[in-house]
Amino acid sequence: MSAAERVSELQEKLYCKAKQERGFKFYILYDKMYIGYMLEEGYRRVKAKDGSAGVDGQEFKDIEAQGIEKFLKELGEELRKRIYKPSAVKRVWIEKANGGKRPIGIPKLLSYYTFLQFVLGMFFGISIYRQNYRQFN
C-alpha cells in the first residue's frame, strides 16, 4: 500500500471516529507526525507545491542528494524524541493589491510546522470535504 493510500486510510479512520463519537477529544495527534508514511506523504505534498528554501537555504536537491529516506528518518526521530528545534522563519515582503507590502514568514522547507499543518489539515480537511460533498450532491 502506498503512503498516500495509508494516509487516506488513516483519514478515514479518524473521520469515522469523529462521526461515531461526536464528543470524542483527539488529544494525541502529535504521534501521527512522525509515522514513516506520514513523513513520506508530507514530503511528497510539499514538493508538489514546489516549496522554496527557507532561512536554512535547504532545497529539495540538497535533501535528495543526502537521501530522502535518511532525511525523513532523522526528522521523524527528532519529532518522536521531541528534540526537534524549529529554526527561525525567513521574512519576505510581498506586494498587496493597494500597492503596499506585507510580511510573510517562510519556515524551513520541511519543518515541524509543515508536518503539523499536514496532519491537522488532513484531519480537518476530510471533514470539510465530506460536508461540502454532501451539500452539493
Protein backbone atom coordinates (compact mmCIF):
# COMPACT_ATOMS: atom_id res chain seq x y z
CA MET A 1 0.00 0.00 0.00
CA SER A 2 1.40 3.42 -0.94
CA ALA A 3 1.98 6.25 1.53
CA ALA A 4 -0.91 8.21 0.00
CA GLU A 5 -3.23 5.21 0.43
CA ARG A 6 -2.15 4.71 4.04
CA VAL A 7 -2.72 8.40 4.80
CA SER A 8 -6.13 8.15 3.19
CA GLU A 9 -6.92 5.10 5.33
CA LEU A 10 -5.90 6.97 8.48
CA GLN A 11 -8.03 9.93 7.42
CA GLU A 12 -10.99 7.61 7.01
CA LYS A 13 -10.47 6.08 10.47
CA LEU A 14 -10.21 9.49 12.12
CA TYR A 15 -13.25 10.71 10.23
CA CYS A 16 -15.33 7.68 11.25
CA LYS A 17 -14.25 8.01 14.89
CA ALA A 18 -15.23 11.69 14.90
CA LYS A 19 -18.62 10.91 13.33
CA GLN A 20 -19.41 7.95 15.60
CA GLU A 21 -18.45 9.77 18.79
CA ARG A 22 -19.14 13.45 18.26
CA GLY A 23 -17.88 14.37 21.73
CA PHE A 24 -14.61 12.44 21.37
CA LYS A 25 -11.50 14.51 22.04
CA PHE A 26 -8.47 13.78 19.87
CA TYR A 27 -5.81 14.53 22.45
CA ILE A 28 -2.96 12.79 20.73
CA LEU A 29 -2.37 13.68 17.10
CA TYR A 30 1.30 14.59 17.60
CA ASP A 31 2.34 10.95 17.27
CA LYS A 32 0.91 10.88 13.75
CA MET A 33 3.52 13.38 12.54
CA TYR A 34 6.47 11.03 12.79
CA ILE A 35 4.94 7.91 11.28
CA GLY A 36 7.06 6.98 8.27
CA TYR A 37 4.29 7.07 5.69
CA MET A 38 3.06 10.43 7.04
CA LEU A 39 6.53 11.91 6.63
CA GLU A 40 6.82 10.41 3.15
CA GLU A 41 3.44 11.75 2.04
CA GLY A 42 4.14 15.12 3.68
CA TYR A 43 7.39 15.36 1.74
CA ARG A 44 5.62 14.44 -1.49
CA ARG A 45 2.92 17.08 -0.95
CA VAL A 46 5.38 19.82 0.00
CA LYS A 47 7.48 19.01 -3.07
CA ALA A 48 4.37 19.00 -5.29
CA LYS A 49 3.73 22.58 -4.18
CA ASP A 50 7.30 23.42 -5.28
CA GLY A 51 8.23 24.92 -1.90
CA SER A 52 11.17 27.27 -1.79
CA ALA A 53 14.13 27.21 0.56
CA GLY A 54 13.60 28.74 3.97
CA VAL A 55 16.06 30.53 6.21
CA ASP A 56 18.36 27.48 6.21
CA GLY A 57 18.75 27.64 2.41
CA GLN A 58 17.98 23.91 2.04
CA GLU A 59 16.32 22.90 -1.23
CA PHE A 60 14.84 19.62 -2.47
CA LYS A 61 18.00 18.83 -4.43
CA ASP A 62 20.01 19.05 -1.18
CA ILE A 63 17.64 16.65 0.59
CA GLU A 64 17.66 14.27 -2.37
CA ALA A 65 21.49 14.33 -2.51
CA GLN A 66 21.65 13.31 1.16
CA GLY A 67 18.87 10.74 0.65
CA ILE A 68 15.17 11.36 1.22
CA GLU A 69 14.74 8.26 3.37
CA LYS A 70 17.65 9.22 5.63
CA PHE A 71 16.39 12.80 5.93
CA LEU A 72 12.84 11.74 6.82
CA LYS A 73 14.07 9.12 9.29
CA GLU A 74 16.19 11.72 11.09
CA LEU A 75 13.32 14.23 11.12
CA GLY A 76 10.95 11.55 12.41
CA GLU A 77 13.34 10.62 15.23
CA GLU A 78 13.74 14.26 16.26
CA LEU A 79 9.96 14.65 16.34
CA ARG A 80 9.46 11.36 18.20
CA LYS A 81 12.06 12.23 20.85
CA ARG A 82 10.71 15.79 21.00
CA ILE A 83 14.16 17.25 20.43
CA TYR A 84 13.33 18.94 17.13
CA LYS A 85 14.15 22.65 17.30
CA PRO A 86 12.35 24.75 14.72
CA SER A 87 14.54 27.37 13.12
CA ALA A 88 13.73 31.00 12.61
CA VAL A 89 11.49 31.84 9.68
CA LYS A 90 12.60 33.74 6.62
CA ARG A 91 10.77 37.09 6.40
CA VAL A 92 9.72 38.11 2.93
CA TRP A 93 7.72 41.16 1.92
CA ILE A 94 5.00 40.65 -0.68
CA GLU A 95 3.03 43.21 -2.66
CA LYS A 96 -0.55 43.96 -1.67
CA ALA A 97 -3.28 44.95 -4.13
CA ASN A 98 -3.28 48.53 -2.80
CA GLY A 99 0.43 48.97 -3.59
CA GLY A 100 1.65 48.40 -0.05
CA LYS A 101 3.63 45.45 1.23
CA ARG A 102 3.05 42.91 3.95
CA PRO A 103 5.44 40.48 5.60
CA ILE A 104 5.11 36.71 5.49
CA GLY A 105 7.23 34.13 7.27
CA ILE A 106 8.63 31.17 5.35
CA PRO A 107 9.66 28.22 7.56
CA LYS A 108 12.32 25.72 6.61
CA LEU A 109 11.40 23.72 3.52
CA LEU A 110 10.39 20.76 5.67
CA SER A 111 9.73 21.61 9.26
CA TYR A 112 7.71 20.68 12.29
CA TYR A 113 5.20 23.32 11.21
CA THR A 114 4.88 21.75 7.76
CA PHE A 115 4.03 18.34 9.22
CA LEU A 116 1.79 19.72 11.95
CA GLN A 117 -0.14 21.61 9.28
CA PHE A 118 -0.29 18.45 7.17
CA VAL A 119 -1.57 16.23 10.00
CA LEU A 120 -4.17 18.71 11.21
CA GLY A 121 -5.10 19.62 7.65
CA MET A 122 -5.68 16.02 6.70
CA PHE A 123 -7.91 15.52 9.71
CA PHE A 124 -9.97 18.67 9.36
CA GLY A 125 -9.75 18.70 5.58
CA ILE A 126 -11.60 15.43 5.18
CA SER A 127 -14.42 16.64 7.44
CA ILE A 128 -14.76 19.82 5.42
CA TYR A 129 -14.57 17.91 2.14
CA ARG A 130 -17.26 15.42 3.15
CA GLN A 131 -19.51 18.15 4.50
CA ASN A 132 -19.20 20.11 1.26
CA TYR A 133 -19.62 16.95 -0.78
CA ARG A 134 -22.91 16.18 0.97
CA GLN A 135 -24.13 19.74 0.46
CA PHE A 136 -23.65 19.63 -3.30
CA ASN A 137 -24.80 16.08 -4.01
